[in-house]
N, C-alpha and C. Protein backbone atom coordinates (compact mmCIF):
# COMPACT_ATOMS: atom_id res chain seq x y z
N MET A 1 -33.42 -10.76 18.76
CA MET A 1 -32.65 -10.03 17.78
C MET A 1 -32.86 -10.62 16.38
N ILE A 2 -33.05 -9.75 15.41
CA ILE A 2 -33.25 -10.20 14.03
C ILE A 2 -31.96 -10.78 13.48
N GLU A 3 -32.06 -11.90 12.79
CA GLU A 3 -30.89 -12.48 12.14
C GLU A 3 -30.80 -11.94 10.71
N PHE A 4 -29.78 -11.12 10.47
CA PHE A 4 -29.59 -10.51 9.16
C PHE A 4 -28.63 -11.35 8.31
N GLU A 5 -28.88 -11.39 7.03
CA GLU A 5 -27.92 -11.94 6.09
C GLU A 5 -27.19 -10.77 5.45
N LEU A 6 -25.91 -10.63 5.72
CA LEU A 6 -25.13 -9.49 5.25
C LEU A 6 -24.42 -9.82 3.94
N THR A 7 -24.49 -8.91 3.01
CA THR A 7 -23.80 -9.04 1.73
C THR A 7 -22.95 -7.80 1.51
N PRO A 8 -21.66 -7.86 1.81
CA PRO A 8 -20.79 -6.69 1.63
C PRO A 8 -20.48 -6.46 0.15
N ILE A 9 -21.37 -5.76 -0.56
CA ILE A 9 -21.18 -5.55 -1.99
C ILE A 9 -20.08 -4.52 -2.26
N PHE A 10 -19.39 -4.70 -3.34
CA PHE A 10 -18.34 -3.80 -3.80
C PHE A 10 -17.32 -3.49 -2.72
N PRO A 11 -16.79 -4.50 -2.06
CA PRO A 11 -15.84 -4.24 -0.98
C PRO A 11 -14.49 -3.75 -1.50
N THR A 12 -13.78 -3.02 -0.68
CA THR A 12 -12.42 -2.61 -0.97
C THR A 12 -11.48 -3.66 -0.38
N ILE A 13 -10.70 -4.31 -1.23
CA ILE A 13 -9.88 -5.43 -0.78
C ILE A 13 -8.47 -4.96 -0.44
N LEU A 14 -8.11 -5.09 0.81
CA LEU A 14 -6.76 -4.82 1.29
C LEU A 14 -6.16 -6.14 1.74
N CYS A 15 -4.97 -6.45 1.26
CA CYS A 15 -4.34 -7.74 1.52
C CYS A 15 -2.98 -7.54 2.16
N SER A 16 -2.58 -8.42 3.05
CA SER A 16 -1.24 -8.35 3.64
C SER A 16 -0.67 -9.75 3.81
N PHE A 17 0.67 -9.83 3.78
CA PHE A 17 1.37 -11.08 4.02
C PHE A 17 2.81 -10.73 4.41
N PHE A 18 3.57 -11.72 4.81
CA PHE A 18 4.96 -11.50 5.23
C PHE A 18 5.91 -12.15 4.23
N LEU A 19 6.99 -11.44 3.92
CA LEU A 19 8.03 -12.02 3.08
C LEU A 19 8.73 -13.15 3.82
N GLU A 20 9.45 -13.97 3.08
CA GLU A 20 10.17 -15.09 3.67
C GLU A 20 11.20 -14.60 4.69
N GLU A 21 11.40 -15.37 5.74
CA GLU A 21 12.43 -15.03 6.72
C GLU A 21 13.79 -15.02 6.05
N GLY A 22 14.61 -14.07 6.44
CA GLY A 22 15.93 -13.94 5.86
C GLY A 22 16.05 -12.77 4.92
N THR A 23 14.91 -12.29 4.37
CA THR A 23 14.96 -11.16 3.45
C THR A 23 15.37 -9.87 4.15
N GLU A 24 15.18 -9.82 5.47
CA GLU A 24 15.51 -8.60 6.20
C GLU A 24 17.01 -8.30 6.24
N ILE A 25 17.83 -9.26 5.81
CA ILE A 25 19.28 -9.01 5.79
C ILE A 25 19.63 -7.93 4.76
N PHE A 26 18.72 -7.66 3.82
CA PHE A 26 18.98 -6.64 2.80
C PHE A 26 18.54 -5.24 3.25
N TYR A 27 17.75 -5.15 4.32
CA TYR A 27 17.10 -3.88 4.64
C TYR A 27 18.09 -2.78 5.00
N GLN A 28 19.08 -3.09 5.84
CA GLN A 28 20.04 -2.06 6.22
C GLN A 28 20.86 -1.61 5.03
N GLU A 29 21.15 -2.54 4.13
CA GLU A 29 21.88 -2.21 2.91
C GLU A 29 21.07 -1.24 2.05
N ILE A 30 19.78 -1.50 1.92
CA ILE A 30 18.91 -0.61 1.15
C ILE A 30 18.88 0.78 1.78
N ILE A 31 18.73 0.83 3.11
CA ILE A 31 18.67 2.10 3.82
C ILE A 31 19.97 2.89 3.63
N ASN A 32 21.10 2.20 3.72
CA ASN A 32 22.40 2.88 3.63
C ASN A 32 22.70 3.38 2.22
N GLU A 33 22.22 2.66 1.20
CA GLU A 33 22.64 2.95 -0.17
C GLU A 33 21.62 3.77 -0.96
N THR A 34 20.49 4.12 -0.37
CA THR A 34 19.45 4.84 -1.11
C THR A 34 19.49 6.33 -0.79
N SER A 35 19.63 7.15 -1.82
CA SER A 35 19.64 8.62 -1.65
C SER A 35 18.22 9.14 -1.52
N LEU A 36 18.03 10.10 -0.62
CA LEU A 36 16.70 10.61 -0.30
C LEU A 36 16.60 12.11 -0.53
N VAL A 37 15.37 12.57 -0.82
CA VAL A 37 15.06 13.99 -0.89
C VAL A 37 13.75 14.22 -0.15
N GLU A 38 13.42 15.46 0.12
CA GLU A 38 12.17 15.77 0.83
C GLU A 38 10.98 15.38 -0.04
N SER A 39 9.98 14.77 0.58
CA SER A 39 8.81 14.30 -0.14
C SER A 39 7.85 15.44 -0.46
N ASP A 40 7.19 15.34 -1.62
CA ASP A 40 6.17 16.32 -1.99
C ASP A 40 4.95 16.22 -1.10
N TYR A 41 4.79 15.08 -0.42
CA TYR A 41 3.64 14.88 0.44
C TYR A 41 3.89 15.40 1.85
N GLY A 42 5.06 16.01 2.05
CA GLY A 42 5.33 16.86 3.19
C GLY A 42 5.33 16.24 4.57
N ARG A 43 5.23 17.13 5.56
CA ARG A 43 5.21 16.79 6.98
C ARG A 43 6.51 16.12 7.41
N GLY A 44 7.63 16.47 6.74
CA GLY A 44 8.94 16.02 7.19
C GLY A 44 9.41 14.69 6.67
N SER A 45 8.59 13.99 5.88
CA SER A 45 9.01 12.69 5.36
C SER A 45 9.94 12.87 4.16
N GLN A 46 10.71 11.83 3.85
CA GLN A 46 11.64 11.86 2.74
C GLN A 46 11.36 10.68 1.81
N ILE A 47 11.79 10.85 0.55
CA ILE A 47 11.52 9.84 -0.48
C ILE A 47 12.79 9.62 -1.29
N SER A 48 12.95 8.43 -1.84
CA SER A 48 14.16 8.13 -2.59
C SER A 48 14.17 8.87 -3.92
N VAL A 49 15.37 9.21 -4.37
CA VAL A 49 15.55 9.82 -5.69
C VAL A 49 15.19 8.81 -6.78
N ASN A 50 15.55 7.58 -6.55
CA ASN A 50 15.30 6.48 -7.49
C ASN A 50 13.84 6.02 -7.38
N ASN A 51 13.12 6.00 -8.50
CA ASN A 51 11.73 5.55 -8.52
C ASN A 51 11.60 4.06 -8.85
N ASN A 52 12.73 3.38 -8.91
CA ASN A 52 12.72 1.92 -9.14
C ASN A 52 13.73 1.26 -8.21
N VAL A 53 13.60 1.52 -6.94
CA VAL A 53 14.55 1.04 -5.93
C VAL A 53 14.69 -0.47 -5.95
N LEU A 54 13.57 -1.18 -6.10
CA LEU A 54 13.61 -2.64 -6.01
C LEU A 54 14.32 -3.29 -7.19
N ASP A 55 14.58 -2.54 -8.26
CA ASP A 55 15.36 -3.10 -9.37
C ASP A 55 16.78 -3.44 -8.93
N ASN A 56 17.23 -2.82 -7.83
CA ASN A 56 18.57 -3.10 -7.30
C ASN A 56 18.57 -4.26 -6.30
N TRP A 57 17.39 -4.72 -5.91
CA TRP A 57 17.27 -5.83 -4.97
C TRP A 57 16.20 -6.79 -5.51
N ILE A 58 16.60 -7.52 -6.55
CA ILE A 58 15.66 -8.35 -7.29
C ILE A 58 15.03 -9.44 -6.43
N ILE A 59 15.76 -9.94 -5.45
CA ILE A 59 15.21 -10.99 -4.58
C ILE A 59 13.94 -10.49 -3.89
N LEU A 60 13.97 -9.25 -3.37
CA LEU A 60 12.80 -8.68 -2.73
C LEU A 60 11.69 -8.42 -3.74
N LYS A 61 12.07 -7.86 -4.89
CA LYS A 61 11.08 -7.56 -5.92
C LYS A 61 10.37 -8.82 -6.38
N ASP A 62 11.12 -9.90 -6.58
CA ASP A 62 10.53 -11.16 -7.03
C ASP A 62 9.53 -11.69 -6.01
N GLN A 63 9.86 -11.61 -4.72
CA GLN A 63 8.95 -12.11 -3.69
C GLN A 63 7.66 -11.30 -3.65
N ILE A 64 7.79 -9.98 -3.79
CA ILE A 64 6.60 -9.12 -3.78
C ILE A 64 5.74 -9.39 -5.01
N GLU A 65 6.38 -9.48 -6.18
CA GLU A 65 5.63 -9.75 -7.40
C GLU A 65 4.96 -11.13 -7.35
N CYS A 66 5.63 -12.10 -6.76
CA CYS A 66 5.05 -13.43 -6.61
C CYS A 66 3.82 -13.37 -5.70
N GLY A 67 3.92 -12.57 -4.62
CA GLY A 67 2.79 -12.40 -3.72
C GLY A 67 1.62 -11.74 -4.42
N PHE A 68 1.90 -10.71 -5.24
CA PHE A 68 0.80 -10.03 -5.95
C PHE A 68 0.19 -10.95 -7.00
N LEU A 69 1.03 -11.75 -7.66
CA LEU A 69 0.52 -12.71 -8.65
C LEU A 69 -0.48 -13.65 -8.01
N SER A 70 -0.15 -14.18 -6.83
CA SER A 70 -1.06 -15.08 -6.13
C SER A 70 -2.33 -14.35 -5.69
N PHE A 71 -2.17 -13.11 -5.23
CA PHE A 71 -3.31 -12.30 -4.79
C PHE A 71 -4.26 -12.00 -5.94
N LYS A 72 -3.73 -11.56 -7.08
CA LYS A 72 -4.61 -11.19 -8.19
C LYS A 72 -5.27 -12.42 -8.83
N ASP A 73 -4.58 -13.58 -8.78
CA ASP A 73 -5.15 -14.81 -9.34
C ASP A 73 -6.19 -15.43 -8.42
N ASN A 74 -5.87 -15.54 -7.13
CA ASN A 74 -6.68 -16.32 -6.21
C ASN A 74 -7.69 -15.51 -5.40
N VAL A 75 -7.47 -14.20 -5.27
CA VAL A 75 -8.42 -13.36 -4.53
C VAL A 75 -9.23 -12.50 -5.50
N LEU A 76 -8.56 -11.74 -6.35
CA LEU A 76 -9.26 -10.90 -7.32
C LEU A 76 -9.76 -11.71 -8.52
N ASN A 77 -9.22 -12.91 -8.71
CA ASN A 77 -9.59 -13.80 -9.81
C ASN A 77 -9.35 -13.15 -11.17
N LEU A 78 -8.22 -12.45 -11.29
CA LEU A 78 -7.84 -11.79 -12.55
C LEU A 78 -6.74 -12.60 -13.24
N LYS A 79 -7.02 -13.86 -13.46
CA LYS A 79 -5.99 -14.79 -13.96
C LYS A 79 -5.54 -14.47 -15.37
N THR A 80 -6.36 -13.82 -16.18
CA THR A 80 -5.97 -13.54 -17.56
C THR A 80 -5.44 -12.11 -17.72
N THR A 81 -5.32 -11.38 -16.63
CA THR A 81 -4.76 -10.03 -16.68
C THR A 81 -3.36 -10.06 -16.09
N HIS A 82 -2.39 -9.55 -16.85
CA HIS A 82 -1.00 -9.55 -16.41
C HIS A 82 -0.66 -8.18 -15.82
N PHE A 83 0.19 -8.19 -14.79
CA PHE A 83 0.57 -6.95 -14.11
C PHE A 83 2.09 -6.83 -14.04
N LYS A 84 2.54 -5.60 -14.01
CA LYS A 84 3.96 -5.30 -13.87
C LYS A 84 4.14 -4.26 -12.77
N MET A 85 5.18 -4.42 -11.95
CA MET A 85 5.53 -3.38 -10.98
C MET A 85 6.16 -2.23 -11.76
N THR A 86 5.51 -1.08 -11.76
CA THR A 86 5.96 0.04 -12.57
C THR A 86 6.92 0.97 -11.84
N THR A 87 6.75 1.13 -10.54
CA THR A 87 7.62 2.00 -9.74
C THR A 87 7.79 1.41 -8.35
N SER A 88 8.90 1.76 -7.72
CA SER A 88 9.12 1.38 -6.31
C SER A 88 10.07 2.41 -5.71
N TRP A 89 9.75 2.87 -4.51
CA TRP A 89 10.55 3.93 -3.90
C TRP A 89 10.58 3.75 -2.38
N MET A 90 11.67 4.19 -1.79
CA MET A 90 11.81 4.10 -0.34
C MET A 90 11.35 5.39 0.31
N THR A 91 10.74 5.29 1.48
CA THR A 91 10.35 6.46 2.26
C THR A 91 10.98 6.38 3.65
N LYS A 92 11.36 7.54 4.15
CA LYS A 92 11.89 7.66 5.51
C LYS A 92 11.01 8.64 6.27
N THR A 93 10.52 8.21 7.43
CA THR A 93 9.70 9.07 8.26
C THR A 93 10.39 9.24 9.60
N PRO A 94 11.06 10.38 9.82
CA PRO A 94 11.75 10.62 11.10
C PRO A 94 10.74 10.80 12.24
N PRO A 95 11.20 10.81 13.49
CA PRO A 95 10.31 11.05 14.63
C PRO A 95 9.53 12.36 14.45
N ASN A 96 8.26 12.34 14.84
CA ASN A 96 7.35 13.48 14.79
C ASN A 96 6.98 13.92 13.37
N CYS A 97 7.30 13.10 12.38
CA CYS A 97 6.96 13.42 10.99
C CYS A 97 5.92 12.42 10.48
N GLY A 98 5.36 12.73 9.31
CA GLY A 98 4.36 11.86 8.70
C GLY A 98 4.19 12.25 7.25
N SER A 99 3.00 12.04 6.69
CA SER A 99 2.72 12.46 5.32
C SER A 99 1.30 12.99 5.21
N GLN A 100 1.04 13.75 4.17
CA GLN A 100 -0.30 14.25 3.90
C GLN A 100 -1.14 13.15 3.24
N LYS A 101 -2.45 13.37 3.24
CA LYS A 101 -3.35 12.43 2.57
C LYS A 101 -3.10 12.47 1.06
N HIS A 102 -3.04 11.30 0.44
CA HIS A 102 -2.82 11.22 -0.99
C HIS A 102 -3.28 9.87 -1.52
N MET A 103 -3.30 9.73 -2.84
CA MET A 103 -3.55 8.44 -3.49
C MET A 103 -2.51 8.28 -4.59
N HIS A 104 -2.45 7.11 -5.20
CA HIS A 104 -1.45 6.83 -6.22
C HIS A 104 -2.11 6.84 -7.60
N LYS A 105 -1.76 7.81 -8.43
CA LYS A 105 -2.31 7.92 -9.78
C LYS A 105 -1.57 6.98 -10.74
N ASN A 106 -2.18 6.75 -11.91
CA ASN A 106 -1.59 5.90 -12.95
C ASN A 106 -1.15 4.55 -12.41
N SER A 107 -1.99 3.97 -11.58
CA SER A 107 -1.71 2.68 -10.95
C SER A 107 -3.02 1.96 -10.67
N TYR A 108 -2.98 0.62 -10.68
CA TYR A 108 -4.18 -0.18 -10.39
C TYR A 108 -4.18 -0.63 -8.93
N TYR A 109 -3.07 -1.25 -8.51
CA TYR A 109 -2.90 -1.63 -7.11
C TYR A 109 -1.56 -1.08 -6.64
N SER A 110 -1.50 -0.70 -5.38
CA SER A 110 -0.27 -0.20 -4.78
C SER A 110 0.06 -1.06 -3.57
N GLY A 111 1.22 -0.78 -2.98
CA GLY A 111 1.60 -1.56 -1.81
C GLY A 111 2.75 -0.94 -1.06
N VAL A 112 3.06 -1.55 0.07
CA VAL A 112 4.18 -1.09 0.89
C VAL A 112 4.81 -2.29 1.58
N LEU A 113 6.14 -2.27 1.68
CA LEU A 113 6.91 -3.24 2.45
C LEU A 113 7.57 -2.50 3.60
N TYR A 114 7.40 -2.98 4.82
CA TYR A 114 7.98 -2.33 5.98
C TYR A 114 9.37 -2.89 6.26
N LEU A 115 10.34 -1.99 6.33
CA LEU A 115 11.72 -2.38 6.61
C LEU A 115 12.04 -2.29 8.10
N THR A 116 11.22 -1.56 8.85
CA THR A 116 11.41 -1.40 10.29
C THR A 116 10.09 -1.68 11.00
N GLU A 117 10.16 -1.81 12.31
CA GLU A 117 8.97 -2.18 13.07
C GLU A 117 8.94 -1.46 14.41
N HIS A 118 7.80 -0.82 14.67
CA HIS A 118 7.54 -0.21 15.97
C HIS A 118 6.07 0.16 15.99
N PHE A 119 5.33 -0.19 17.03
CA PHE A 119 3.89 0.01 17.05
C PHE A 119 3.52 1.48 16.86
N ASP A 120 4.32 2.38 17.44
CA ASP A 120 4.04 3.81 17.33
C ASP A 120 4.75 4.45 16.14
N GLN A 121 5.34 3.65 15.27
CA GLN A 121 6.19 4.17 14.21
C GLN A 121 5.39 4.43 12.93
N SER A 122 4.62 5.50 12.94
CA SER A 122 3.91 5.96 11.74
C SER A 122 3.03 4.91 11.10
N PRO A 123 1.92 4.53 11.71
CA PRO A 123 0.99 3.61 11.04
C PRO A 123 0.40 4.26 9.81
N ILE A 124 -0.01 3.45 8.85
CA ILE A 124 -0.67 3.95 7.65
C ILE A 124 -2.17 3.96 7.89
N MET A 125 -2.83 5.07 7.52
CA MET A 125 -4.27 5.21 7.72
C MET A 125 -4.96 5.35 6.36
N PHE A 126 -5.93 4.47 6.11
CA PHE A 126 -6.73 4.51 4.89
C PHE A 126 -8.08 5.17 5.16
N PHE A 127 -8.63 5.82 4.14
CA PHE A 127 -9.90 6.53 4.27
C PHE A 127 -10.97 5.85 3.42
N ASN A 128 -12.13 5.64 3.99
CA ASN A 128 -13.24 5.00 3.31
C ASN A 128 -13.70 5.86 2.13
N PRO A 129 -13.57 5.37 0.88
CA PRO A 129 -13.95 6.19 -0.28
C PRO A 129 -15.43 6.50 -0.34
N ASN A 130 -16.27 5.69 0.32
CA ASN A 130 -17.71 5.94 0.30
C ASN A 130 -18.12 7.11 1.18
N GLU A 131 -17.26 7.51 2.10
CA GLU A 131 -17.60 8.61 2.99
C GLU A 131 -17.76 9.92 2.23
N SER A 132 -17.00 10.09 1.15
CA SER A 132 -17.08 11.33 0.38
C SER A 132 -18.42 11.45 -0.35
N ARG A 133 -19.15 10.33 -0.50
CA ARG A 133 -20.45 10.34 -1.16
C ARG A 133 -21.59 10.51 -0.16
N ASN A 134 -21.27 10.51 1.12
CA ASN A 134 -22.30 10.54 2.16
C ASN A 134 -22.34 11.93 2.80
N SER A 135 -23.48 12.60 2.71
CA SER A 135 -23.61 13.94 3.27
C SER A 135 -24.16 13.93 4.70
N ILE A 136 -24.42 12.74 5.25
CA ILE A 136 -24.99 12.62 6.59
C ILE A 136 -23.89 12.24 7.57
N LEU A 137 -23.75 13.00 8.65
CA LEU A 137 -22.80 12.68 9.70
C LEU A 137 -23.56 12.07 10.87
N THR A 138 -23.38 10.76 11.08
CA THR A 138 -24.06 10.08 12.17
C THR A 138 -23.25 10.19 13.45
N ASN A 139 -23.84 9.76 14.54
CA ASN A 139 -23.10 9.66 15.79
C ASN A 139 -22.08 8.52 15.67
N PRO A 140 -21.00 8.56 16.45
CA PRO A 140 -20.00 7.49 16.37
C PRO A 140 -20.61 6.11 16.64
N ALA A 141 -20.10 5.10 15.95
CA ALA A 141 -20.56 3.73 16.16
C ALA A 141 -20.06 3.22 17.51
N GLU A 142 -20.79 2.30 18.09
CA GLU A 142 -20.35 1.68 19.34
C GLU A 142 -19.06 0.90 19.13
N GLU A 143 -18.93 0.31 17.95
CA GLU A 143 -17.73 -0.44 17.60
C GLU A 143 -17.56 -0.38 16.08
N TYR A 144 -16.32 -0.13 15.64
CA TYR A 144 -16.07 -0.03 14.20
C TYR A 144 -15.50 -1.34 13.66
N ASN A 145 -15.87 -1.65 12.41
CA ASN A 145 -15.36 -2.82 11.72
C ASN A 145 -15.24 -2.49 10.24
N GLY A 146 -14.95 -3.49 9.41
CA GLY A 146 -14.76 -3.25 8.00
C GLY A 146 -16.00 -2.78 7.26
N LEU A 147 -17.17 -2.93 7.88
CA LEU A 147 -18.42 -2.53 7.24
C LEU A 147 -18.80 -1.08 7.53
N ASN A 148 -18.36 -0.53 8.66
CA ASN A 148 -18.82 0.81 9.03
C ASN A 148 -17.70 1.81 9.31
N ALA A 149 -16.45 1.38 9.18
CA ALA A 149 -15.34 2.25 9.53
C ALA A 149 -15.18 3.40 8.54
N LYS A 150 -14.85 4.57 9.06
CA LYS A 150 -14.54 5.73 8.23
C LYS A 150 -13.05 5.73 7.85
N THR A 151 -12.22 5.17 8.71
CA THR A 151 -10.79 5.02 8.44
C THR A 151 -10.34 3.63 8.90
N TRP A 152 -9.19 3.22 8.42
CA TRP A 152 -8.63 1.92 8.82
C TRP A 152 -7.12 2.09 8.97
N THR A 153 -6.58 1.67 10.10
CA THR A 153 -5.18 1.89 10.41
C THR A 153 -4.42 0.57 10.51
N ILE A 154 -3.23 0.53 9.92
CA ILE A 154 -2.36 -0.65 9.99
C ILE A 154 -1.01 -0.20 10.52
N HIS A 155 -0.51 -0.90 11.53
CA HIS A 155 0.77 -0.55 12.14
C HIS A 155 1.90 -1.32 11.47
N PRO A 156 3.08 -0.71 11.36
CA PRO A 156 4.21 -1.36 10.69
C PRO A 156 4.67 -2.62 11.41
N GLU A 157 4.99 -3.63 10.62
CA GLU A 157 5.63 -4.84 11.11
C GLU A 157 6.72 -5.20 10.09
N LYS A 158 7.92 -5.40 10.57
CA LYS A 158 9.03 -5.72 9.66
C LYS A 158 8.70 -6.95 8.82
N ASN A 159 9.00 -6.86 7.52
CA ASN A 159 8.77 -7.95 6.56
C ASN A 159 7.32 -8.01 6.07
N LYS A 160 6.44 -7.13 6.59
CA LYS A 160 5.04 -7.18 6.19
C LYS A 160 4.83 -6.41 4.90
N VAL A 161 4.05 -7.01 3.99
CA VAL A 161 3.69 -6.37 2.73
C VAL A 161 2.18 -6.15 2.72
N ILE A 162 1.77 -4.96 2.26
CA ILE A 162 0.35 -4.64 2.14
C ILE A 162 0.06 -4.32 0.67
N PHE A 163 -1.03 -4.86 0.14
CA PHE A 163 -1.54 -4.49 -1.18
C PHE A 163 -2.87 -3.77 -0.98
N PHE A 164 -3.08 -2.65 -1.71
CA PHE A 164 -4.35 -1.93 -1.60
C PHE A 164 -4.66 -1.24 -2.93
N PRO A 165 -5.96 -1.05 -3.24
CA PRO A 165 -6.32 -0.36 -4.49
C PRO A 165 -5.71 1.05 -4.51
N SER A 166 -5.18 1.44 -5.66
CA SER A 166 -4.45 2.70 -5.74
C SER A 166 -5.34 3.93 -5.55
N TYR A 167 -6.66 3.77 -5.73
CA TYR A 167 -7.56 4.91 -5.55
C TYR A 167 -7.81 5.24 -4.07
N LEU A 168 -7.40 4.35 -3.17
CA LEU A 168 -7.65 4.59 -1.75
C LEU A 168 -6.78 5.74 -1.23
N GLU A 169 -7.41 6.77 -0.70
CA GLU A 169 -6.65 7.83 -0.07
C GLU A 169 -6.07 7.33 1.25
N HIS A 170 -4.85 7.74 1.53
CA HIS A 170 -4.18 7.29 2.75
C HIS A 170 -3.14 8.31 3.17
N LEU A 171 -2.68 8.16 4.38
CA LEU A 171 -1.60 9.00 4.88
C LEU A 171 -0.78 8.20 5.88
N VAL A 172 0.41 8.69 6.16
CA VAL A 172 1.26 8.11 7.19
C VAL A 172 1.15 9.01 8.42
N ARG A 173 0.66 8.45 9.50
CA ARG A 173 0.47 9.24 10.72
C ARG A 173 1.82 9.56 11.34
N ALA A 174 1.80 10.51 12.25
CA ALA A 174 3.04 10.99 12.87
C ALA A 174 3.80 9.85 13.53
N ASN A 175 5.10 9.87 13.37
CA ASN A 175 5.99 8.87 13.98
C ASN A 175 6.20 9.26 15.45
N LEU A 176 5.58 8.52 16.35
CA LEU A 176 5.66 8.83 17.78
C LEU A 176 6.80 8.10 18.47
N SER A 177 7.57 7.33 17.70
CA SER A 177 8.71 6.64 18.29
C SER A 177 9.95 7.54 18.19
N SER A 178 11.04 7.07 18.73
CA SER A 178 12.30 7.83 18.68
C SER A 178 13.21 7.36 17.54
N ASP A 179 12.69 6.45 16.70
CA ASP A 179 13.48 5.88 15.60
C ASP A 179 12.88 6.27 14.25
N ASP A 180 13.72 6.31 13.23
CA ASP A 180 13.23 6.55 11.87
C ASP A 180 12.43 5.34 11.39
N ARG A 181 11.39 5.61 10.62
CA ARG A 181 10.58 4.54 10.05
C ARG A 181 10.89 4.46 8.55
N TYR A 182 11.26 3.26 8.07
CA TYR A 182 11.61 3.06 6.67
C TYR A 182 10.64 2.07 6.04
N SER A 183 10.27 2.36 4.81
CA SER A 183 9.42 1.43 4.06
C SER A 183 9.70 1.60 2.58
N ILE A 184 9.27 0.62 1.80
CA ILE A 184 9.34 0.70 0.34
C ILE A 184 7.93 0.60 -0.21
N ALA A 185 7.52 1.60 -0.97
CA ALA A 185 6.21 1.60 -1.61
C ALA A 185 6.36 1.22 -3.08
N PHE A 186 5.27 0.76 -3.70
CA PHE A 186 5.35 0.32 -5.10
C PHE A 186 3.96 0.34 -5.73
N ASN A 187 3.95 0.36 -7.06
CA ASN A 187 2.71 0.37 -7.83
C ASN A 187 2.71 -0.76 -8.85
N PHE A 188 1.51 -1.29 -9.13
CA PHE A 188 1.32 -2.30 -10.17
C PHE A 188 0.34 -1.77 -11.21
N PHE A 189 0.62 -2.10 -12.48
CA PHE A 189 -0.25 -1.68 -13.58
C PHE A 189 -0.40 -2.84 -14.55
N PRO A 190 -1.59 -3.03 -15.15
CA PRO A 190 -1.77 -4.14 -16.10
C PRO A 190 -1.04 -3.89 -17.42
N PHE A 191 -0.71 -4.96 -18.11
CA PHE A 191 -0.12 -4.84 -19.44
C PHE A 191 -0.64 -5.97 -20.32
N GLY A 192 -0.33 -5.89 -21.63
CA GLY A 192 -0.88 -6.84 -22.58
C GLY A 192 -2.27 -6.39 -23.02
N LYS A 193 -3.07 -7.31 -23.52
CA LYS A 193 -4.42 -6.99 -23.95
C LYS A 193 -5.35 -6.99 -22.74
N ILE A 194 -6.00 -5.85 -22.50
CA ILE A 194 -6.96 -5.75 -21.40
C ILE A 194 -8.25 -5.13 -21.92
N GLY A 195 -9.34 -5.39 -21.22
CA GLY A 195 -10.64 -4.88 -21.63
C GLY A 195 -11.31 -5.79 -22.63
N GLU A 196 -12.43 -5.32 -23.19
CA GLU A 196 -13.16 -6.12 -24.17
C GLU A 196 -13.95 -5.21 -25.09
N ASN A 197 -14.29 -5.75 -26.26
CA ASN A 197 -15.07 -5.03 -27.28
C ASN A 197 -14.42 -3.69 -27.61
N ASP A 198 -15.22 -2.59 -27.59
CA ASP A 198 -14.66 -1.29 -27.96
C ASP A 198 -13.87 -0.65 -26.83
N SER A 199 -13.72 -1.34 -25.69
CA SER A 199 -12.92 -0.83 -24.58
C SER A 199 -11.64 -1.64 -24.41
N GLN A 200 -11.24 -2.34 -25.45
CA GLN A 200 -10.01 -3.14 -25.38
C GLN A 200 -8.81 -2.31 -25.81
N ILE A 201 -7.68 -2.55 -25.14
CA ILE A 201 -6.45 -1.87 -25.47
C ILE A 201 -5.29 -2.82 -25.19
N GLU A 202 -4.19 -2.65 -25.90
CA GLU A 202 -3.01 -3.46 -25.66
C GLU A 202 -1.90 -2.55 -25.16
N LEU A 203 -1.40 -2.84 -23.97
CA LEU A 203 -0.35 -2.05 -23.34
C LEU A 203 0.94 -2.84 -23.37
N ILE A 204 1.99 -2.27 -23.89
CA ILE A 204 3.25 -2.97 -24.04
C ILE A 204 4.32 -2.26 -23.19
N TYR A 205 5.07 -3.06 -22.39
CA TYR A 205 6.18 -2.53 -21.60
C TYR A 205 7.49 -3.06 -22.17
């Protein structure tokens, strides 16, 4: 067998970590106190009226922002670019419901915090952005991985946070459990002086 040297150029970076133990004591309070309406992304899911839910639970917001700060500094190596959480909203996915495919506009990185946990409880599915550029449909791979996958699925785990590029199309698959699935989604956007030369701009919040 030939020994190949693989170079995954221009990879899509998806990151996950868990919040500190004890933060879950706020989850039921958030669920009880957040008003919901039907989501524009359909299929029976609901979304909070408030687009800044985490402003009411600063302890959670601080932990998520701290996690993103470490991620953008140590993984993306964007130490001189500052980011702010611009929006945060709760979603409810009842049994047999889900969401349509969508992406997050006016955002650089997005994320989700899972408030509930169940393996069949509406996993999030991401779509490979390079597939839209490929007009050839090959036979299925013997085994899929991060280099050849057309989609990537992550199952909910309580306290788990996921960061992903906002351009990634994704959907919430049908909730096959008998319980409601709750999560909080959020967006990050850079601020201050960004860019260089004639592409520099200063964004003030």
